[in-house]
């Protein structure tokens, strides 16, 4: 883009003339390198949070473990597998997945796979979040797994959240700008969209797939609405969650209210911040 502008005769800014065209044309490369460095730092933060939570909450007394979904949970499963196969611990641990991704993580690391039919009482569930506010209200479902994630979390005695520092906010919407995911029956998404917008404002849009034609389809065969609420408005999230779930055709919302026991955030400096309920 920048080189194209130069070819079209756009005048270089004076400071660019002083630095030289090479630096100007190399800006996209520099930006790409910085972006990769940011990604590496975030991955390190996720890994630190996940490993810390696993080591503190998954003990020999933990018999049934709920496994969440998303990028941070991968590091949690890796740490569990290390303890099982390298350290000889947790050999009787049964892992209950919350999604297709979680199920395959459990199988890929050769851990004991369970399900809610046989293991409905979960000792600890570990999952990520898209955003967490000061009251530990979560937005989840960016990966489209919110229904099963909420069911698994609701079955756990302790629901533990792992995330990097960018997910920690004072109020919802500060960091996560994609809205609250809502899983809906396909035939009802239009009236549900209109109902939510009438009740609470903002805009609810059908989540479209990036590779396949048409909308995203969840593991359960449903559609997803992403409700972009009004950013500066104060919401009672418990009431919002209740009201939306009462709309016919809504399966579940990505609002997790009064569910998380602790949140672990991997920080940029390598430490872990713990948020308590």
C-alpha atoms as a PDB file:
ATOM      1  CA  UNK A   1       0.000   0.000   0.000  1.00  0.00           C
ATOM      2  CA  UNK A   2       2.754   2.440   0.970  1.00  0.00           C
ATOM      3  CA  UNK A   3       4.894   1.655  -2.055  1.00  0.00           C
ATOM      4  CA  UNK A   4       1.786   2.006  -4.232  1.00  0.00           C
ATOM      5  CA  UNK A   5       1.180   5.501  -2.918  1.00  0.00           C
ATOM      6  CA  UNK A   6       4.760   6.443  -3.698  1.00  0.00           C
ATOM      7  CA  UNK A   7       4.401   5.175  -7.253  1.00  0.00           C
ATOM      8  CA  UNK A   8       1.261   7.294  -7.609  1.00  0.00           C
ATOM      9  CA  UNK A   9       3.234  10.404  -6.712  1.00  0.00           C
ATOM     10  CA  UNK A  10       2.121  10.901  -3.117  1.00  0.00           C
ATOM     11  CA  UNK A  11       4.666  13.151  -1.444  1.00  0.00           C
ATOM     12  CA  UNK A  12       6.762  11.517   1.277  1.00  0.00           C
ATOM     13  CA  UNK A  13       6.406  13.230   4.655  1.00  0.00           C
ATOM     14  CA  UNK A  14       9.472  15.315   5.554  1.00  0.00           C
ATOM     15  CA  UNK A  15      10.532  12.990   8.379  1.00  0.00           C
ATOM     16  CA  UNK A  16      10.322  10.058   5.980  1.00  0.00           C
ATOM     17  CA  UNK A  17      12.569  11.899   3.497  1.00  0.00           C
ATOM     18  CA  UNK A  18      15.088  12.372   6.255  1.00  0.00           C
ATOM     19  CA  UNK A  19      14.997   8.733   7.316  1.00  0.00           C
ATOM     20  CA  UNK A  20      15.146   7.424   3.791  1.00  0.00           C
ATOM     21  CA  UNK A  21      12.784   5.507   1.572  1.00  0.00           C
ATOM     22  CA  UNK A  22      14.164   2.172   2.741  1.00  0.00           C
ATOM     23  CA  UNK A  23      12.820   2.663   6.242  1.00  0.00           C
ATOM     24  CA  UNK A  24       9.489   3.919   4.916  1.00  0.00           C
ATOM     25  CA  UNK A  25       9.037   0.923   2.647  1.00  0.00           C
ATOM     26  CA  UNK A  26      10.174  -1.413   5.425  1.00  0.00           C
ATOM     27  CA  UNK A  27       7.444  -0.258   7.829  1.00  0.00           C
ATOM     28  CA  UNK A  28       5.068  -3.167   7.029  1.00  0.00           C
ATOM     29  CA  UNK A  29       7.852  -5.647   7.792  1.00  0.00           C
ATOM     30  CA  UNK A  30       8.591  -3.906  11.092  1.00  0.00           C
ATOM     31  CA  UNK A  31       4.886  -3.907  11.998  1.00  0.00           C
ATOM     32  CA  UNK A  32       4.663  -7.623  11.199  1.00  0.00           C
ATOM     33  CA  UNK A  33       7.667  -8.362  13.409  1.00  0.00           C
ATOM     34  CA  UNK A  34       6.217  -6.354  16.295  1.00  0.00           C
ATOM     35  CA  UNK A  35       2.875  -8.123  15.885  1.00  0.00           C
ATOM     36  CA  UNK A  36       4.614 -11.498  16.071  1.00  0.00           C
ATOM     37  CA  UNK A  37       6.427 -10.383  19.231  1.00  0.00           C
ATOM     38  CA  UNK A  38       3.085  -9.404  20.778  1.00  0.00           C
ATOM     39  CA  UNK A  39       1.634 -12.809  19.880  1.00  0.00           C
ATOM     40  CA  UNK A  40       4.603 -14.561  21.489  1.00  0.00           C
ATOM     41  CA  UNK A  41       4.218 -12.475  24.650  1.00  0.00           C
ATOM     42  CA  UNK A  42       0.496 -13.259  24.858  1.00  0.00           C
ATOM     43  CA  UNK A  43       1.134 -16.967  24.335  1.00  0.00           C
ATOM     44  CA  UNK A  44       3.680 -16.916  27.154  1.00  0.00           C
ATOM     45  CA  UNK A  45       1.147 -15.174  29.419  1.00  0.00           C
ATOM     46  CA  UNK A  46      -1.544 -17.731  28.563  1.00  0.00           C
ATOM     47  CA  UNK A  47       0.842 -20.590  29.252  1.00  0.00           C
ATOM     48  CA  UNK A  48       1.872 -19.187  32.640  1.00  0.00           C
ATOM     49  CA  UNK A  49      -1.735 -18.677  33.742  1.00  0.00           C
ATOM     50  CA  UNK A  50      -2.843 -22.128  32.591  1.00  0.00           C
ATOM     51  CA  UNK A  51       0.046 -24.007  34.187  1.00  0.00           C
ATOM     52  CA  UNK A  52      -0.353 -22.118  37.467  1.00  0.00           C
ATOM     53  CA  UNK A  53      -4.075 -22.882  37.670  1.00  0.00           C
ATOM     54  CA  UNK A  54      -3.567 -26.561  36.853  1.00  0.00           C
ATOM     55  CA  UNK A  55      -0.870 -26.981  39.491  1.00  0.00           C
ATOM     56  CA  UNK A  56      -2.970 -25.261  42.157  1.00  0.00           C
ATOM     57  CA  UNK A  57      -6.347 -26.843  41.409  1.00  0.00           C
ATOM     58  CA  UNK A  58      -5.754 -30.253  39.860  1.00  0.00           C
ATOM     59  CA  UNK A  59      -4.551 -32.542  42.649  1.00  0.00           C
ATOM     60  CA  UNK A  60      -4.664 -36.246  43.405  1.00  0.00           C
ATOM     61  CA  UNK A  61      -8.056 -35.567  45.026  1.00  0.00           C
ATOM     62  CA  UNK A  62      -9.372 -34.285  41.690  1.00  0.00           C
ATOM     63  CA  UNK A  63     -11.140 -37.201  40.041  1.00  0.00           C
ATOM     64  CA  UNK A  64     -13.300 -35.497  37.395  1.00  0.00           C
ATOM     65  CA  UNK A  65     -11.973 -32.469  35.504  1.00  0.00           C
ATOM     66  CA  UNK A  66     -13.944 -30.306  33.068  1.00  0.00           C
ATOM     67  CA  UNK A  67     -11.893 -29.192  30.078  1.00  0.00           C
ATOM     68  CA  UNK A  68     -12.846 -25.914  28.421  1.00  0.00           C
ATOM     69  CA  UNK A  69     -12.105 -24.634  24.942  1.00  0.00           C
ATOM     70  CA  UNK A  70      -9.842 -22.085  23.310  1.00  0.00           C
ATOM     71  CA  UNK A  71      -6.171 -21.219  22.987  1.00  0.00           C
ATOM     72  CA  UNK A  72      -5.327 -20.911  26.703  1.00  0.00           C
ATOM     73  CA  UNK A  73      -6.895 -24.272  27.564  1.00  0.00           C
ATOM     74  CA  UNK A  74      -4.407 -25.983  25.239  1.00  0.00           C
ATOM     75  CA  UNK A  75      -1.637 -25.075  27.705  1.00  0.00           C
ATOM     76  CA  UNK A  76      -3.711 -26.417  30.608  1.00  0.00           C
ATOM     77  CA  UNK A  77      -4.140 -29.771  28.868  1.00  0.00           C
ATOM     78  CA  UNK A  78      -0.441 -29.872  28.031  1.00  0.00           C
ATOM     79  CA  UNK A  79       0.430 -29.378  31.708  1.00  0.00           C
ATOM     80  CA  UNK A  80      -2.034 -32.089  32.775  1.00  0.00           C
ATOM     81  CA  UNK A  81      -0.469 -34.465  30.254  1.00  0.00           C
ATOM     82  CA  UNK A  82       3.016 -33.655  31.587  1.00  0.00           C
ATOM     83  CA  UNK A  83       1.928 -34.553  35.083  1.00  0.00           C
ATOM     84  CA  UNK A  84       0.289 -37.778  33.925  1.00  0.00           C
ATOM     85  CA  UNK A  85       2.950 -39.071  31.515  1.00  0.00           C
ATOM     86  CA  UNK A  86       6.184 -37.499  32.802  1.00  0.00           C
ATOM     87  CA  UNK A  87       5.585 -37.127  36.512  1.00  0.00           C
ATOM     88  CA  UNK A  88       3.373 -40.188  37.095  1.00  0.00           C
ATOM     89  CA  UNK A  89       0.546 -38.213  38.734  1.00  0.00           C
ATOM     90  CA  UNK A  90      -3.213 -37.983  38.162  1.00  0.00           C
ATOM     91  CA  UNK A  91      -3.399 -41.447  36.613  1.00  0.00           C
ATOM     92  CA  UNK A  92      -7.083 -41.868  37.525  1.00  0.00           C
ATOM     93  CA  UNK A  93      -8.132 -38.401  36.345  1.00  0.00           C
ATOM     94  CA  UNK A  94     -11.143 -38.363  34.004  1.00  0.00           C
ATOM     95  CA  UNK A  95     -11.493 -35.365  31.674  1.00  0.00           C
ATOM     96  CA  UNK A  96     -14.933 -34.181  30.514  1.00  0.00           C
ATOM     97  CA  UNK A  97     -14.824 -32.026  27.348  1.00  0.00           C
ATOM     98  CA  UNK A  98     -16.881 -28.918  26.617  1.00  0.00           C
ATOM     99  CA  UNK A  99     -16.505 -28.985  22.827  1.00  0.00           C
ATOM    100  CA  UNK A 100     -15.271 -30.915  19.820  1.00  0.00           C
ATOM    101  CA  UNK A 101     -11.901 -29.167  20.238  1.00  0.00           C
ATOM    102  CA  UNK A 102     -11.655 -30.145  23.912  1.00  0.00           C
ATOM    103  CA  UNK A 103     -12.553 -33.758  23.162  1.00  0.00           C
ATOM    104  CA  UNK A 104      -9.776 -34.030  20.609  1.00  0.00           C
ATOM    105  CA  UNK A 105      -7.278 -32.355  22.937  1.00  0.00           C
ATOM    106  CA  UNK A 106      -8.037 -35.006  25.546  1.00  0.00           C
ATOM    107  CA  UNK A 107      -7.636 -37.788  22.997  1.00  0.00           C
ATOM    108  CA  UNK A 108      -4.502 -36.276  21.414  1.00  0.00           C
ATOM    109  CA  UNK A 109      -2.769 -36.234  24.806  1.00  0.00           C
ATOM    110  CA  UNK A 110      -4.034 -39.731  25.638  1.00  0.00           C
ATOM    111  CA  UNK A 111      -5.915 -38.655  28.753  1.00  0.00           C
ATOM    112  CA  UNK A 112      -8.967 -40.448  30.158  1.00  0.00           C
ATOM    113  CA  UNK A 113     -12.047 -39.236  28.275  1.00  0.00           C
ATOM    114  CA  UNK A 114     -15.325 -38.932  30.171  1.00  0.00           C
ATOM    115  CA  UNK A 115     -18.758 -37.451  29.544  1.00  0.00           C
ATOM    116  CA  UNK A 116     -21.593 -35.933  31.531  1.00  0.00           C
ATOM    117  CA  UNK A 117     -23.724 -39.086  31.214  1.00  0.00           C
ATOM    118  CA  UNK A 118     -21.250 -41.032  33.351  1.00  0.00           C
ATOM    119  CA  UNK A 119     -19.529 -38.121  35.117  1.00  0.00           C
ATOM    120  CA  UNK A 120     -22.142 -35.458  35.893  1.00  0.00           C
ATOM    121  CA  UNK A 121     -20.428 -34.259  39.077  1.00  0.00           C
ATOM    122  CA  UNK A 122     -17.228 -32.436  38.175  1.00  0.00           C
ATOM    123  CA  UNK A 123     -14.652 -31.500  40.813  1.00  0.00           C
ATOM    124  CA  UNK A 124     -12.951 -28.694  38.888  1.00  0.00           C
ATOM    125  CA  UNK A 125     -13.541 -27.142  35.454  1.00  0.00           C
ATOM    126  CA  UNK A 126     -10.838 -25.054  33.762  1.00  0.00           C
ATOM    127  CA  UNK A 127     -11.722 -22.787  30.864  1.00  0.00           C
ATOM    128  CA  UNK A 128     -10.734 -19.528  29.211  1.00  0.00           C
ATOM    129  CA  UNK A 129     -12.685 -16.312  28.700  1.00  0.00           C
ATOM    130  CA  UNK A 130     -12.970 -13.543  26.142  1.00  0.00           C
ATOM    131  CA  UNK A 131     -13.340 -10.899  28.855  1.00  0.00           C
ATOM    132  CA  UNK A 132     -13.777 -10.722  32.640  1.00  0.00           C
ATOM    133  CA  UNK A 133     -15.030  -7.650  34.513  1.00  0.00           C
ATOM    134  CA  UNK A 134     -14.361  -6.492  38.073  1.00  0.00           C
ATOM    135  CA  UNK A 135     -17.314  -8.548  39.357  1.00  0.00           C
ATOM    136  CA  UNK A 136     -16.014 -11.673  37.575  1.00  0.00           C
ATOM    137  CA  UNK A 137     -18.801 -11.643  35.022  1.00  0.00           C
ATOM    138  CA  UNK A 138     -17.433 -13.381  31.933  1.00  0.00           C
ATOM    139  CA  UNK A 139     -18.065 -13.092  28.230  1.00  0.00           C
ATOM    140  CA  UNK A 140     -17.413 -16.439  26.571  1.00  0.00           C
ATOM    141  CA  UNK A 141     -18.258 -17.960  23.222  1.00  0.00           C
ATOM    142  CA  UNK A 142     -15.853 -16.228  20.859  1.00  0.00           C
ATOM    143  CA  UNK A 143     -14.945 -19.712  19.674  1.00  0.00           C
ATOM    144  CA  UNK A 144     -18.590 -20.732  19.401  1.00  0.00           C
ATOM    145  CA  UNK A 145     -18.624 -23.327  22.223  1.00  0.00           C
ATOM    146  CA  UNK A 146     -20.587 -21.400  24.854  1.00  0.00           C
ATOM    147  CA  UNK A 147     -23.518 -23.807  25.368  1.00  0.00           C
ATOM    148  CA  UNK A 148     -21.445 -26.862  26.207  1.00  0.00           C
ATOM    149  CA  UNK A 149     -18.922 -24.731  28.106  1.00  0.00           C
ATOM    150  CA  UNK A 150     -21.642 -23.360  30.352  1.00  0.00           C
ATOM    151  CA  UNK A 151     -23.146 -26.788  30.966  1.00  0.00           C
ATOM    152  CA  UNK A 152     -19.759 -28.236  31.976  1.00  0.00           C
ATOM    153  CA  UNK A 153     -18.947 -25.215  34.170  1.00  0.00           C
ATOM    154  CA  UNK A 154     -22.342 -25.463  35.887  1.00  0.00           C
ATOM    155  CA  UNK A 155     -21.610 -29.086  36.830  1.00  0.00           C
ATOM    156  CA  UNK A 156     -18.321 -28.190  38.550  1.00  0.00           C
ATOM    157  CA  UNK A 157     -17.763 -27.544  42.242  1.00  0.00           C
ATOM    158  CA  UNK A 158     -15.070 -25.045  41.251  1.00  0.00           C
ATOM    159  CA  UNK A 159     -14.947 -23.191  37.940  1.00  0.00           C
ATOM    160  CA  UNK A 160     -11.463 -21.783  37.269  1.00  0.00           C
ATOM    161  CA  UNK A 161     -10.758 -19.286  34.489  1.00  0.00           C
ATOM    162  CA  UNK A 162      -7.378 -18.918  32.770  1.00  0.00           C
ATOM    163  CA  UNK A 163      -6.515 -16.031  30.451  1.00  0.00           C
ATOM    164  CA  UNK A 164      -3.890 -13.498  29.476  1.00  0.00           C
ATOM    165  CA  UNK A 165      -3.832  -9.950  30.818  1.00  0.00           C
ATOM    166  CA  UNK A 166      -5.740  -8.486  27.858  1.00  0.00           C
ATOM    167  CA  UNK A 167      -8.928 -10.225  29.032  1.00  0.00           C
ATOM    168  CA  UNK A 168      -9.050  -8.436  32.410  1.00  0.00           C
ATOM    169  CA  UNK A 169     -11.347  -5.371  32.386  1.00  0.00           C
ATOM    170  CA  UNK A 170     -13.104  -3.078  34.813  1.00  0.00           C
ATOM    171  CA  UNK A 171     -16.320  -3.350  32.800  1.00  0.00           C
ATOM    172  CA  UNK A 172     -17.383  -5.551  29.919  1.00  0.00           C
ATOM    173  CA  UNK A 173     -16.728  -4.089  26.498  1.00  0.00           C
ATOM    174  CA  UNK A 174     -13.448  -2.371  27.379  1.00  0.00           C
ATOM    175  CA  UNK A 175     -11.304  -5.027  25.686  1.00  0.00           C
ATOM    176  CA  UNK A 176     -13.700  -7.388  23.935  1.00  0.00           C
ATOM    177  CA  UNK A 177     -15.526  -5.503  21.183  1.00  0.00           C
ATOM    178  CA  UNK A 178     -17.278  -8.365  19.381  1.00  0.00           C
ATOM    179  CA  UNK A 179     -20.293  -8.463  21.674  1.00  0.00           C
ATOM    180  CA  UNK A 180     -21.975 -11.195  23.700  1.00  0.00           C
ATOM    181  CA  UNK A 181     -22.365 -14.478  21.790  1.00  0.00           C
ATOM    182  CA  UNK A 182     -25.827 -16.040  21.961  1.00  0.00           C
ATOM    183  CA  UNK A 183     -26.568 -19.535  20.660  1.00  0.00           C
ATOM    184  CA  UNK A 184     -29.971 -19.698  18.965  1.00  0.00           C
ATOM    185  CA  UNK A 185     -32.187 -22.071  17.024  1.00  0.00           C
ATOM    186  CA  UNK A 186     -31.624 -21.353  13.311  1.00  0.00           C
ATOM    187  CA  UNK A 187     -35.301 -20.799  12.503  1.00  0.00           C
ATOM    188  CA  UNK A 188     -35.651 -18.171  15.256  1.00  0.00           C
ATOM    189  CA  UNK A 189     -32.585 -15.970  14.825  1.00  0.00           C
ATOM    190  CA  UNK A 190     -34.408 -13.009  13.223  1.00  0.00           C
ATOM    191  CA  UNK A 191     -37.131 -12.567  15.907  1.00  0.00           C
ATOM    192  CA  UNK A 192     -34.528 -13.172  18.636  1.00  0.00           C
ATOM    193  CA  UNK A 193     -32.280 -10.492  17.140  1.00  0.00           C
ATOM    194  CA  UNK A 194     -35.129  -7.972  17.060  1.00  0.00           C
ATOM    195  CA  UNK A 195     -36.269  -8.877  20.572  1.00  0.00           C
ATOM    196  CA  UNK A 196     -32.798  -8.375  22.084  1.00  0.00           C
ATOM    197  CA  UNK A 197     -32.316  -5.038  20.334  1.00  0.00           C
ATOM    198  CA  UNK A 198     -35.727  -3.858  21.540  1.00  0.00           C
ATOM    199  CA  UNK A 199     -35.014  -4.892  25.134  1.00  0.00           C
ATOM    200  CA  UNK A 200     -31.443  -3.676  25.544  1.00  0.00           C
ATOM    201  CA  UNK A 201     -30.383  -1.627  22.528  1.00  0.00           C
ATOM    202  CA  UNK A 202     -27.221  -2.226  20.577  1.00  0.00           C
ATOM    203  CA  UNK A 203     -27.078  -4.533  17.588  1.00  0.00           C
ATOM    204  CA  UNK A 204     -27.279  -8.317  17.321  1.00  0.00           C
ATOM    205  CA  UNK A 205     -25.816  -9.803  14.144  1.00  0.00           C
ATOM    206  CA  UNK A 206     -25.631 -13.320  12.784  1.00  0.00           C
ATOM    207  CA  UNK A 207     -22.081 -14.639  12.922  1.00  0.00           C
ATOM    208  CA  UNK A 208     -20.934 -15.566   9.436  1.00  0.00           C
ATOM    209  CA  UNK A 209     -18.324 -18.169   8.572  1.00  0.00           C
ATOM    210  CA  UNK A 210     -15.003 -17.070   7.088  1.00  0.00           C
ATOM    211  CA  UNK A 211     -14.361 -20.134   4.898  1.00  0.00           C
ATOM    212  CA  UNK A 212     -17.697 -21.886   4.360  1.00  0.00           C
ATOM    213  CA  UNK A 213     -20.552 -19.981   2.755  1.00  0.00           C
ATOM    214  CA  UNK A 214     -23.230 -18.836   5.167  1.00  0.00           C
ATOM    215  CA  UNK A 215     -23.386 -18.606   8.947  1.00  0.00           C
ATOM    216  CA  UNK A 216     -21.295 -20.351  11.603  1.00  0.00           C
ATOM    217  CA  UNK A 217     -22.914 -23.582  12.805  1.00  0.00           C
ATOM    218  CA  UNK A 218     -22.090 -24.630  16.381  1.00  0.00           C
ATOM    219  CA  UNK A 219     -21.180 -28.115  17.626  1.00  0.00           C
ATOM    220  CA  UNK A 220     -24.874 -28.442  18.470  1.00  0.00           C
ATOM    221  CA  UNK A 221     -26.137 -27.466  15.012  1.00  0.00           C
ATOM    222  CA  UNK A 222     -27.283 -23.974  15.989  1.00  0.00           C
ATOM    223  CA  UNK A 223     -26.562 -20.399  14.876  1.00  0.00           C
ATOM    224  CA  UNK A 224     -24.755 -17.679  16.800  1.00  0.00           C
ATOM    225  CA  UNK A 225     -25.812 -14.070  17.296  1.00  0.00           C
ATOM    226  CA  UNK A 226     -23.202 -11.576  18.488  1.00  0.00           C
ATOM    227  CA  UNK A 227     -24.933  -8.839  20.455  1.00  0.00           C
ATOM    228  CA  UNK A 228     -22.895  -5.631  20.515  1.00  0.00           C
ATOM    229  CA  UNK A 229     -24.333  -3.890  23.529  1.00  0.00           C
ATOM    230  CA  UNK A 230     -24.122  -0.152  24.174  1.00  0.00           C
ATOM    231  CA  UNK A 231     -20.590   0.331  25.495  1.00  0.00           C
ATOM    232  CA  UNK A 232     -21.141   3.137  28.027  1.00  0.00           C
ATOM    233  CA  UNK A 233     -24.441   1.878  29.391  1.00  0.00           C
ATOM    234  CA  UNK A 234     -24.649   0.254  32.816  1.00  0.00           C
ATOM    235  CA  UNK A 235     -26.207  -3.193  32.600  1.00  0.00           C
ATOM    236  CA  UNK A 236     -27.364  -5.589  35.287  1.00  0.00           C
ATOM    237  CA  UNK A 237     -25.746  -8.600  33.627  1.00  0.00           C
ATOM    238  CA  UNK A 238     -27.621 -11.105  35.748  1.00  0.00           C
ATOM    239  CA  UNK A 239     -30.931  -9.612  34.634  1.00  0.00           C
ATOM    240  CA  UNK A 240     -29.775  -9.318  31.021  1.00  0.00           C
ATOM    241  CA  UNK A 241     -28.748 -12.959  31.016  1.00  0.00           C
ATOM    242  CA  UNK A 242     -32.070 -14.060  32.498  1.00  0.00           C
ATOM    243  CA  UNK A 243     -34.122 -11.978  30.088  1.00  0.00           C
ATOM    244  CA  UNK A 244     -32.317 -13.182  26.986  1.00  0.00           C
ATOM    245  CA  UNK A 245     -32.463 -16.849  27.960  1.00  0.00           C
ATOM    246  CA  UNK A 246     -36.244 -16.529  28.367  1.00  0.00           C
ATOM    247  CA  UNK A 247     -36.671 -15.546  24.709  1.00  0.00           C
ATOM    248  CA  UNK A 248     -38.057 -18.580  22.824  1.00  0.00           C
ATOM    249  CA  UNK A 249     -35.389 -20.066  20.583  1.00  0.00           C
ATOM    250  CA  UNK A 250     -32.426 -18.941  22.692  1.00  0.00           C
ATOM    251  CA  UNK A 251     -30.334 -21.919  23.779  1.00  0.00           C
ATOM    252  CA  UNK A 252     -27.776 -20.060  25.914  1.00  0.00           C
ATOM    253  CA  UNK A 253     -25.862 -16.805  26.254  1.00  0.00           C
ATOM    254  CA  UNK A 254     -22.145 -16.199  26.543  1.00  0.00           C
ATOM    255  CA  UNK A 255     -22.672 -14.298  29.812  1.00  0.00           C
ATOM    256  CA  UNK A 256     -21.293 -16.342  32.721  1.00  0.00           C
ATOM    257  CA  UNK A 257     -22.654 -14.619  35.826  1.00  0.00           C
ATOM    258  CA  UNK A 258     -21.791 -15.788  39.363  1.00  0.00           C
ATOM    259  CA  UNK A 259     -20.062 -18.877  38.012  1.00  0.00           C
ATOM    260  CA  UNK A 260     -16.285 -18.342  38.197  1.00  0.00           C
ATOM    261  CA  UNK A 261     -14.534 -19.165  41.471  1.00  0.00           C
ATOM    262  CA  UNK A 262     -11.113 -17.730  40.559  1.00  0.00           C
ATOM    263  CA  UNK A 263      -9.508 -16.140  37.506  1.00  0.00           C
ATOM    264  CA  UNK A 264      -5.818 -16.484  36.689  1.00  0.00           C
ATOM    265  CA  UNK A 265      -4.289 -13.888  34.356  1.00  0.00           C
ATOM    266  CA  UNK A 266      -0.830 -14.314  32.892  1.00  0.00           C
ATOM    267  CA  UNK A 267       0.801 -10.881  32.975  1.00  0.00           C
ATOM    268  CA  UNK A 268       3.262  -9.282  30.563  1.00  0.00           C
ATOM    269  CA  UNK A 269       6.068  -9.445  33.158  1.00  0.00           C
ATOM    270  CA  UNK A 270       5.723 -13.210  33.616  1.00  0.00           C
ATOM    271  CA  UNK A 271       3.748 -13.097  36.855  1.00  0.00           C
ATOM    272  CA  UNK A 272       0.210 -14.332  37.444  1.00  0.00           C
ATOM    273  CA  UNK A 273      -2.579 -12.143  38.778  1.00  0.00           C
ATOM    274  CA  UNK A 274      -5.369 -13.919  40.657  1.00  0.00           C
ATOM    275  CA  UNK A 275      -8.884 -12.495  40.861  1.00  0.00           C
ATOM    276  CA  UNK A 276     -11.154 -13.890  43.565  1.00  0.00           C
ATOM    277  CA  UNK A 277     -14.924 -13.953  43.635  1.00  0.00           C
END
